Protein backbone atom coordinates (compact mmCIF):
# COMPACT_ATOMS: atom_id res chain seq x y z
CA MET A 1 105.05 78.03 71.49
CA GLY A 2 105.81 81.07 69.30
CA ASP A 3 108.79 83.26 69.12
CA ALA A 4 110.12 84.58 72.40
CA PHE A 5 109.19 88.14 73.23
CA ILE A 6 109.72 90.56 76.32
CA ARG A 7 106.61 91.37 78.43
CA HIS A 8 108.24 93.67 80.89
CA ILE A 9 111.64 95.33 81.63
CA GLU A 10 112.15 96.72 85.19
CA LEU A 11 115.32 98.73 86.12
CA LEU A 12 116.52 97.32 89.38
CA GLY A 13 119.46 99.80 89.88
CA TYR A 14 123.12 99.72 88.97
CA GLU A 15 126.39 98.43 90.09
CA LYS A 16 129.78 100.05 90.41
CA ARG A 17 132.40 97.51 89.37
CA PHE A 18 136.12 97.57 89.68
CA PHE A 19 137.42 95.03 87.19
CA PRO A 20 138.95 95.22 84.78
CA SER A 21 138.68 98.90 85.54
CA GLN A 22 136.16 100.95 87.37
CA HIS A 23 132.85 101.23 85.41
CA TYR A 24 129.10 101.14 86.02
CA VAL A 25 126.54 98.73 84.69
CA TYR A 26 122.65 99.03 84.90
CA THR A 27 120.77 95.95 86.44
CA PHE A 28 117.48 94.92 84.56
CA LEU A 29 114.89 92.25 85.50
CA VAL A 30 113.66 91.05 82.05
CA LYS A 31 110.24 89.12 82.08
CA TRP A 32 109.66 86.89 79.15
CA ASN A 33 106.56 85.42 77.59
CA ASP A 34 107.32 81.96 78.96
CA LEU A 35 106.94 83.54 82.41
CA SER A 36 110.62 83.25 83.03
CA GLU A 37 112.48 86.15 84.75
CA LYS A 38 116.20 86.94 83.95
CA VAL A 39 118.59 89.48 85.32
CA VAL A 40 120.88 91.14 82.87
CA TYR A 41 123.55 93.89 83.07
CA ARG A 42 124.24 96.56 80.50
CA ARG A 43 126.52 99.52 80.26
CA PHE A 44 124.84 102.79 79.13
CA THR A 45 127.09 103.01 76.06
CA GLU A 46 125.72 99.59 75.03
CA ILE A 47 122.24 100.74 75.47
CA TYR A 48 122.81 103.94 73.47
CA GLU A 49 124.33 102.11 70.66
CA PHE A 50 121.31 99.67 70.74
CA HIS A 51 119.03 102.83 70.69
CA LYS A 52 120.66 104.28 67.58
CA ALA A 53 120.47 100.98 65.68
CA LEU A 54 116.69 100.82 66.59
CA LYS A 55 116.18 104.31 65.22
CA GLU A 56 117.87 103.27 62.03
CA MET A 57 115.70 100.17 61.58
CA PHE A 58 112.44 102.20 62.07
CA PRO A 59 113.04 105.73 60.48
CA ILE A 60 109.37 106.62 60.41
CA GLU A 61 108.65 105.71 64.13
CA SER A 62 111.91 107.47 65.11
CA GLY A 63 110.84 110.71 63.61
CA ASP A 64 113.55 111.02 61.04
CA ILE A 65 111.09 111.51 58.19
CA ASN A 66 108.40 113.34 60.15
CA VAL A 67 108.93 114.44 63.64
CA GLU A 68 105.26 114.10 64.46
CA ASN A 69 105.25 110.47 63.69
CA ARG A 70 107.82 109.50 66.28
CA ILE A 71 106.89 107.08 68.93
CA ILE A 72 110.31 105.62 69.79
CA PRO A 73 111.30 107.38 73.03
CA HIS A 74 114.21 109.69 73.29
CA LEU A 75 117.49 108.74 75.10
CA PRO A 76 120.32 111.26 75.85
CA ALA A 77 123.76 110.49 74.50
CA PRO A 78 126.30 109.31 76.98
CA LYS A 79 128.70 111.93 78.41
CA TRP A 80 132.40 112.12 77.67
CA PHE A 81 133.01 110.92 81.22
CA ASP A 82 130.29 108.95 82.88
CA GLY A 83 130.63 109.05 86.53
CA GLN A 84 128.49 107.91 89.43
CA ARG A 85 126.42 111.10 89.58
CA SER A 86 125.44 110.88 85.88
CA THR A 87 124.79 107.13 86.21
CA GLU A 88 122.48 107.74 89.20
CA ASN A 89 120.66 110.70 87.62
CA ARG A 90 119.90 108.79 84.33
CA GLN A 91 118.01 105.98 86.14
CA GLY A 92 114.52 107.75 85.82
CA THR A 93 115.02 108.34 82.23
CA LEU A 94 116.10 104.75 81.59
CA ALA A 95 113.25 103.31 83.51
CA GLU A 96 110.83 105.27 81.42
CA TYR A 97 112.53 104.34 78.29
CA CYS A 98 112.24 100.73 78.98
CA TYR A 99 108.62 101.04 79.95
CA THR A 100 107.84 102.85 76.65
CA LEU A 101 109.91 100.41 74.61
CA VAL A 102 108.08 97.24 75.73
CA ASN A 103 104.62 98.96 75.05
CA LEU A 104 105.54 100.11 71.51
CA PRO A 105 103.81 98.17 68.57
CA HIS A 106 104.77 94.60 68.25
CA LYS A 107 106.90 95.10 65.10
CA ILE A 108 109.32 97.12 67.28
CA SER A 109 109.11 95.77 70.83
CA ARG A 110 109.12 92.18 69.61
CA CYS A 111 111.70 92.50 66.89
CA LEU A 112 114.99 90.45 66.92
CA HIS A 113 117.02 93.58 67.77
CA VAL A 114 115.20 94.12 70.91
CA VAL A 115 114.93 90.46 71.94
CA ASN A 116 118.64 89.64 71.28
CA PHE A 117 119.83 92.79 73.23
CA PHE A 118 118.03 91.72 76.48
CA LYS A 119 118.81 88.03 76.17
CA VAL A 120 120.99 86.57 78.96
CA ARG A 121 124.60 86.60 78.01
CA HIS A 122 127.45 84.57 79.39
CA ASP A 123 128.71 87.65 81.26
CA ASP A 124 125.37 88.12 82.96
CA MET A 125 125.58 84.68 84.50
CA ASN A 126 129.37 84.73 85.09
CA PRO A 127 130.43 88.44 85.39
CA VAL A 128 134.24 88.80 84.99
CA THR A 129 135.68 89.29 88.48
CA ASP A 130 139.04 89.39 90.36
CA SER A 131 139.21 88.06 93.76
CA GLN A 132 141.84 90.59 94.51
CA ILE A 133 139.54 93.47 93.64
CA LYS A 134 136.92 94.61 95.96
CA LYS A 135 133.46 93.32 95.66
CA PRO A 136 131.04 95.59 93.42
CA GLU A 137 128.81 98.10 95.08
CA VAL A 138 125.17 97.65 94.55
CA PHE A 139 122.76 100.65 94.25
CA LEU A 140 119.11 99.72 94.24
CA LEU A 141 116.38 101.81 92.85
CA PRO A 142 113.47 102.21 95.52
CA LYS A 143 110.19 100.61 94.81
CA ASP A 144 108.37 103.91 94.98
CA SER A 145 110.84 105.57 92.64
CA LYS A 146 108.09 106.10 90.01
CA LYS A 147 106.61 108.63 92.38
CA ASN A 148 109.95 110.28 93.26
CA LEU A 149 112.76 109.31 90.73
CA THR A 150 115.17 111.79 92.40
CA ASP A 151 115.00 109.71 95.69
CA ILE A 152 117.74 107.27 94.74
CA THR A 153 119.40 105.11 97.49
CA GLY A 154 123.05 105.29 98.45
CA PRO A 155 125.11 102.24 98.25
CA ILE A 156 123.41 99.29 99.84
CA VAL A 157 125.34 96.60 101.75
CA LEU A 158 123.29 93.58 100.87
CA GLN A 159 122.21 91.32 103.78
CA THR A 160 124.04 88.00 103.87
CA TYR A 161 122.06 84.86 104.89
CA ARG A 162 123.09 81.32 105.40
CA ALA A 163 121.43 78.30 103.87
CA ILE A 164 120.18 75.93 106.48
CA ALA A 165 119.57 73.01 104.10
CA ASP A 166 120.11 71.83 100.64
CA TYR A 167 117.67 73.15 97.98
CA GLU A 168 117.30 71.88 94.52
CA LYS A 169 116.01 74.35 92.09
CA SER A 170 112.77 73.37 90.06
CA SER A 171 112.97 76.10 87.32
CA THR A 172 115.72 78.04 85.45
CA SER A 173 114.73 81.30 87.28
CA GLU A 174 115.61 79.65 90.74
CA MET A 175 119.05 79.02 92.26
CA ALA A 176 120.32 75.71 93.92
CA LEU A 177 121.77 75.83 97.43
CA LYS A 178 123.94 73.69 99.51
CA ALA A 179 123.69 73.78 103.41
CA GLY A 180 126.01 76.36 104.61
CA ASP A 181 126.12 78.55 101.48
CA MET A 182 126.44 82.26 102.07
CA VAL A 183 124.10 84.27 99.86
CA ASP A 184 123.57 87.99 99.42
CA VAL A 185 119.69 88.93 99.32
CA VAL A 186 118.98 91.40 96.68
CA GLU A 187 115.14 91.41 97.07
CA LYS A 188 112.79 90.19 99.79
CA SER A 189 109.42 89.40 98.25
CA GLU A 190 106.54 88.88 100.67
CA ASN A 191 105.45 85.85 98.60
CA GLY A 192 108.31 83.93 100.17
CA TRP A 193 110.62 83.88 97.25
CA TRP A 194 113.84 85.95 97.66
CA PHE A 195 116.13 87.00 94.88
CA CYS A 196 119.82 86.10 95.89
CA GLN A 197 123.21 85.96 94.39
CA LEU A 198 126.05 83.54 95.29
CA LYS A 199 129.31 84.35 93.68
CA ASN A 200 128.52 84.35 89.99
CA LYS A 201 124.95 82.81 90.32
CA ARG A 202 121.80 84.59 90.71
CA GLY A 203 118.17 83.46 91.17
CA TRP A 204 115.06 82.98 93.24
CA VAL A 205 115.34 81.01 96.52
CA PRO A 206 112.62 80.16 99.09
CA ALA A 207 113.16 82.32 102.17
CA ALA A 208 112.41 79.19 104.46
CA TYR A 209 115.90 77.91 103.53
CA LEU A 210 117.80 81.03 104.77
CA GLU A 211 118.65 82.38 108.08
CA PRO A 212 120.25 85.61 109.03
CA LEU A 213 123.92 85.36 110.38
CA ASP A 214 123.40 87.80 113.38
CA GLY A 215 120.56 85.98 115.11
CA PRO A 216 117.41 83.73 114.46
CA ASP A 217 114.94 86.46 115.11
CA GLU A 218 114.25 88.62 112.09
CA SER A 219 113.26 92.20 112.92
CA GLU A 220 111.41 92.66 109.64
CA GLU A 221 108.86 90.05 110.69
CA PRO A 222 106.05 92.04 112.34
CA GLU A 223 104.05 91.06 115.31
CA PRO A 224 100.73 89.36 114.86
CA ASN A 225 97.76 91.69 114.24
CA TYR A 226 94.63 90.11 115.66
CA ALA A 227 92.43 92.80 114.45
CA GLY A 228 93.18 91.36 111.06
CA GLU A 229 93.24 92.78 107.51
CA ALA A 230 90.55 91.85 104.95
CA TYR A 231 92.01 89.79 101.92
CA VAL A 232 90.30 87.92 99.07
CA VAL A 233 91.43 84.56 97.93
CA GLN A 234 92.62 84.63 94.31
CA LYS A 235 93.60 80.94 93.96
CA SER A 236 92.26 77.88 95.61
CA TYR A 237 94.61 75.77 97.72
CA THR A 238 94.13 72.37 99.39
CA ALA A 239 95.83 72.05 102.84
CA VAL A 240 98.79 69.64 103.00
CA GLU A 241 99.82 70.05 106.61
CA GLU A 242 97.41 69.97 109.59
CA ASP A 243 97.91 73.64 110.45
CA GLU A 244 97.11 74.89 106.92
CA LEU A 245 93.62 75.89 105.58
CA THR A 246 91.70 74.88 102.47
CA LEU A 247 90.08 77.78 100.74
CA LYS A 248 88.34 78.45 97.42
CA GLU A 249 88.84 81.23 95.14
CA GLY A 250 86.63 84.29 96.12
CA ASP A 251 86.59 83.48 99.83
CA THR A 252 87.17 86.53 102.09
CA ILE A 253 89.48 86.07 104.99
CA GLU A 254 91.50 88.12 107.63
CA VAL A 255 95.26 88.04 107.66
CA ILE A 256 96.62 88.35 111.25
CA HIS A 257 100.37 87.60 110.81
CA LYS A 258 102.49 88.18 107.66
CA LEU A 259 105.54 85.93 107.87
CA LEU A 260 108.60 86.36 105.67
CA ASP A 261 108.51 82.78 104.28
CA GLY A 262 105.44 83.45 102.30
CA TRP A 263 103.11 81.63 104.56
CA TRP A 264 100.68 83.90 106.29
CA VAL A 265 98.43 83.11 109.32
CA ILE A 266 94.91 83.88 108.34
CA ARG A 267 91.60 83.80 110.18
CA THR A 268 88.12 82.66 108.68
CA ASP A 269 85.36 82.93 111.25
CA GLU A 270 87.17 81.52 114.57
CA THR A 271 89.38 79.11 112.46
CA THR A 272 93.05 80.09 111.89
CA GLY A 273 95.81 78.53 109.80
CA TYR A 274 98.61 79.09 107.29
CA TYR A 275 97.89 80.00 103.67
CA PRO A 276 100.27 81.01 100.75
CA SER A 277 100.52 84.78 100.57
CA MET A 278 100.92 84.75 96.77
CA TYR A 279 97.29 83.41 96.44
CA LEU A 280 95.84 86.44 98.50
CA GLN A 281 95.01 89.85 97.44
CA LYS A 282 94.01 92.87 99.64
CA ALA A 283 90.32 93.61 99.66
CA GLY A 284 89.57 96.48 97.29
CA GLU A 285 92.97 96.39 95.50
CA VAL A 286 93.06 96.13 91.71
CA ASN A 287 94.45 93.05 90.25
CA THR A 288 97.62 93.26 88.15
CA SER A 289 99.14 91.00 85.48
CA ALA A 290 102.31 90.70 87.63
CA LYS A 291 100.25 89.32 90.60
CA SER A 292 98.24 87.08 88.32
CA GLU A 293 101.63 85.50 87.05
CA LEU A 294 102.80 85.01 90.60
CA ARG A 295 99.71 82.78 91.31
CA ASN A 296 100.70 80.53 88.43
CA ARG A 297 103.82 79.61 90.48
CA GLY A 298 103.84 76.91 93.22
CA ALA A 299 103.84 78.10 96.83
CA PRO A 300 107.16 78.17 98.47
CA PRO A 301 108.26 75.57 100.91
CA ARG A 302 107.42 75.99 104.71
CA ARG A 303 110.16 76.14 107.28
CA SER A 304 108.38 73.19 109.15
CA THR A 305 108.81 70.89 106.09
CA ILE A 306 112.66 71.51 105.72
CA ARG A 307 114.29 68.21 107.13
CA ASN A 308 117.62 68.08 108.85
CA ALA A 309 117.80 71.88 108.99
CA LYS A 310 120.74 72.94 111.30
CA SER A 311 120.84 76.51 112.60
CA ILE A 312 124.15 78.08 113.56
CA HIS A 313 122.40 79.92 116.52
CA LYS A 314 122.14 78.27 119.98
CA GLN A 315 118.74 79.88 120.68
CA GLY A 316 115.97 78.77 118.38
CA ARG A 317 114.03 80.86 115.99
CA LYS A 318 111.07 82.72 117.31
CA HIS A 319 107.96 80.59 116.71
CA ILE A 320 104.45 81.03 117.67
CA SER A 321 102.38 77.92 117.91
CA GLN A 322 99.02 77.46 116.02
CA GLU A 323 97.27 76.96 119.35
CA THR A 324 98.52 80.43 120.41
CA TYR A 325 97.19 81.98 117.19
CA ARG A 326 93.82 80.31 117.76
CA ARG A 327 93.57 81.12 121.48
CA ASN A 328 94.50 84.80 120.89
CA SER A 329 92.27 85.03 117.85
CA ARG A 330 89.26 83.53 119.81
CA LYS A 331 90.04 86.04 122.74
CA TYR A 332 90.13 89.03 120.35
CA ILE A 333 86.81 87.99 118.58
CA GLN A 334 85.10 87.49 122.04
CA ASN A 335 86.38 90.90 123.33
CA LYS A 336 85.21 92.47 120.19
CA ARG A 337 81.75 90.92 120.69
CA ASN A 338 81.63 91.90 124.30
CA MET A 339 82.47 95.51 123.42
CA ARG A 340 79.77 95.46 120.79
CA GLU A 341 77.16 94.09 123.24
CA ASN A 342 78.19 96.54 126.01
CA SER A 343 77.92 99.46 123.43
CA HIS A 344 74.50 98.13 122.36
CA LYS A 345 73.21 97.89 126.04
CA ALA A 346 74.60 101.35 126.72
CA ASN A 347 72.66 102.78 123.73
CA VAL A 348 69.47 101.03 124.80
CA ILE A 349 69.80 102.62 128.35
CA ILE A 350 70.31 106.01 126.89
CA GLU A 351 67.38 105.64 124.56
CA LYS A 352 65.15 104.67 127.64
CA ASN A 353 66.27 107.52 129.73
CA GLU A 354 66.28 110.03 126.84
CA PRO A 355 62.45 111.15 127.25
CA GLU A 356 63.02 111.91 130.93
CA ASP A 357 66.32 113.76 130.26
CA ASN A 358 64.58 115.82 127.64
CA LYS A 359 61.74 117.05 129.93
CA PRO A 360 62.22 120.75 130.95
CA LYS A 361 63.52 120.97 134.51
CA ALA A 362 61.11 122.49 137.14
CA GLN A 363 62.04 126.01 138.03
CA PRO A 364 62.33 126.84 141.82
CA ALA A 365 59.39 128.81 143.30
CA VAL A 366 59.97 132.51 144.02
CA PRO A 367 59.74 132.93 147.78
CA PRO A 368 57.14 135.39 149.14
CA ARG A 369 58.10 138.89 149.99
CA PRO A 370 58.62 139.26 153.89
CA SER A 371 56.18 141.58 155.73
CA LYS A 372 56.98 145.04 157.04
CA ASP A 373 56.95 143.91 160.71
CA LEU A 374 59.31 140.98 159.92
CA ILE A 375 61.83 143.40 158.23
CA LEU A 376 61.60 145.76 161.17
CA ASN A 377 62.32 142.88 163.62
CA ARG A 378 65.01 140.88 161.88
CA CYS A 379 66.87 143.28 159.44
CA THR A 380 69.56 145.72 160.13
CA GLU A 381 68.82 149.41 160.70
CA SER A 382 70.06 150.37 157.20
CA THR A 383 67.44 147.87 155.58
CA TRP A 384 64.36 148.77 157.54
CA ARG A 385 65.09 152.50 157.02
CA LYS A 386 64.47 151.98 153.31
CA ILE A 387 60.88 150.90 153.95
CA LEU A 388 59.93 153.64 156.38
């Protein structure tokens, strides 16, 4: 394999830290050419010094010789006092800077100066903390921030989950767990892998190994949608469990329940079963490199495969049996067919009756005018006077 280089840098947000003194650090998710993903933390003063050195290394591309030749993005200098407001307002500029930096010519974007700056440091894996000082406050950048960079979240209290069983990591980007560990969830990905932190450790963890502290039911988990959403299989999978489905790349299916552990309940014809969500793509959606990379990873473990899992809750986790999925799915399909047949019959009846309905209705006949004698005998005096 060749030299390491960065494929993508994503600004996740920033942290307000209190040790050794109050300061702010930006959180970046760095994706490397070996498909690994690392989280690093950098102060803005460090980033600006890195930027100045980069400009000195490439004077032509930085516009020092001719302004028109500049391709290295601009970055404002740090203020004399960088508080929370300036840290927050700078996120949009910093996100655009990272995006432009990675897309510069390879001699710049893949140079050692860039690679070394974003490599994981010891402080990234083991940040300096003091148990007597309060926990850092985490501020996350919304996923739709590219559309509205001014819409930045306030301090986010990360959700704490408990590990229900031991988990051994299978890659450097993952994090090992012991049953009973309390982790803070930074990001919940619908593919079933959640980015968590535990003390000084950070990494991806299968959602199936975690349970919320407040109760077994997770409100984020939607109810089944038996109408279904059309998806296309992007990667083949062979069923391992009895309630899973075997599908080939290119198959079109309907998703009826999106579960948080990354295994969705899908329907093909009248058959339902589980399938890894990371191998599916919404019909009509454009494929992206990030999604393609996800499909190169293995599917996360399912809750049903975790042995000796002990919950702290007396009431079990809400679970819908596969038979219920099948029964309700068949019921929905049958109701849909009946509605279609009834609609077709109604259309046929209307078509048959249409010629008769379109015929002009007969007008009532005009009654004959009463005779003079009849008017004199039956009408009032005021009426028969008019004919005299």
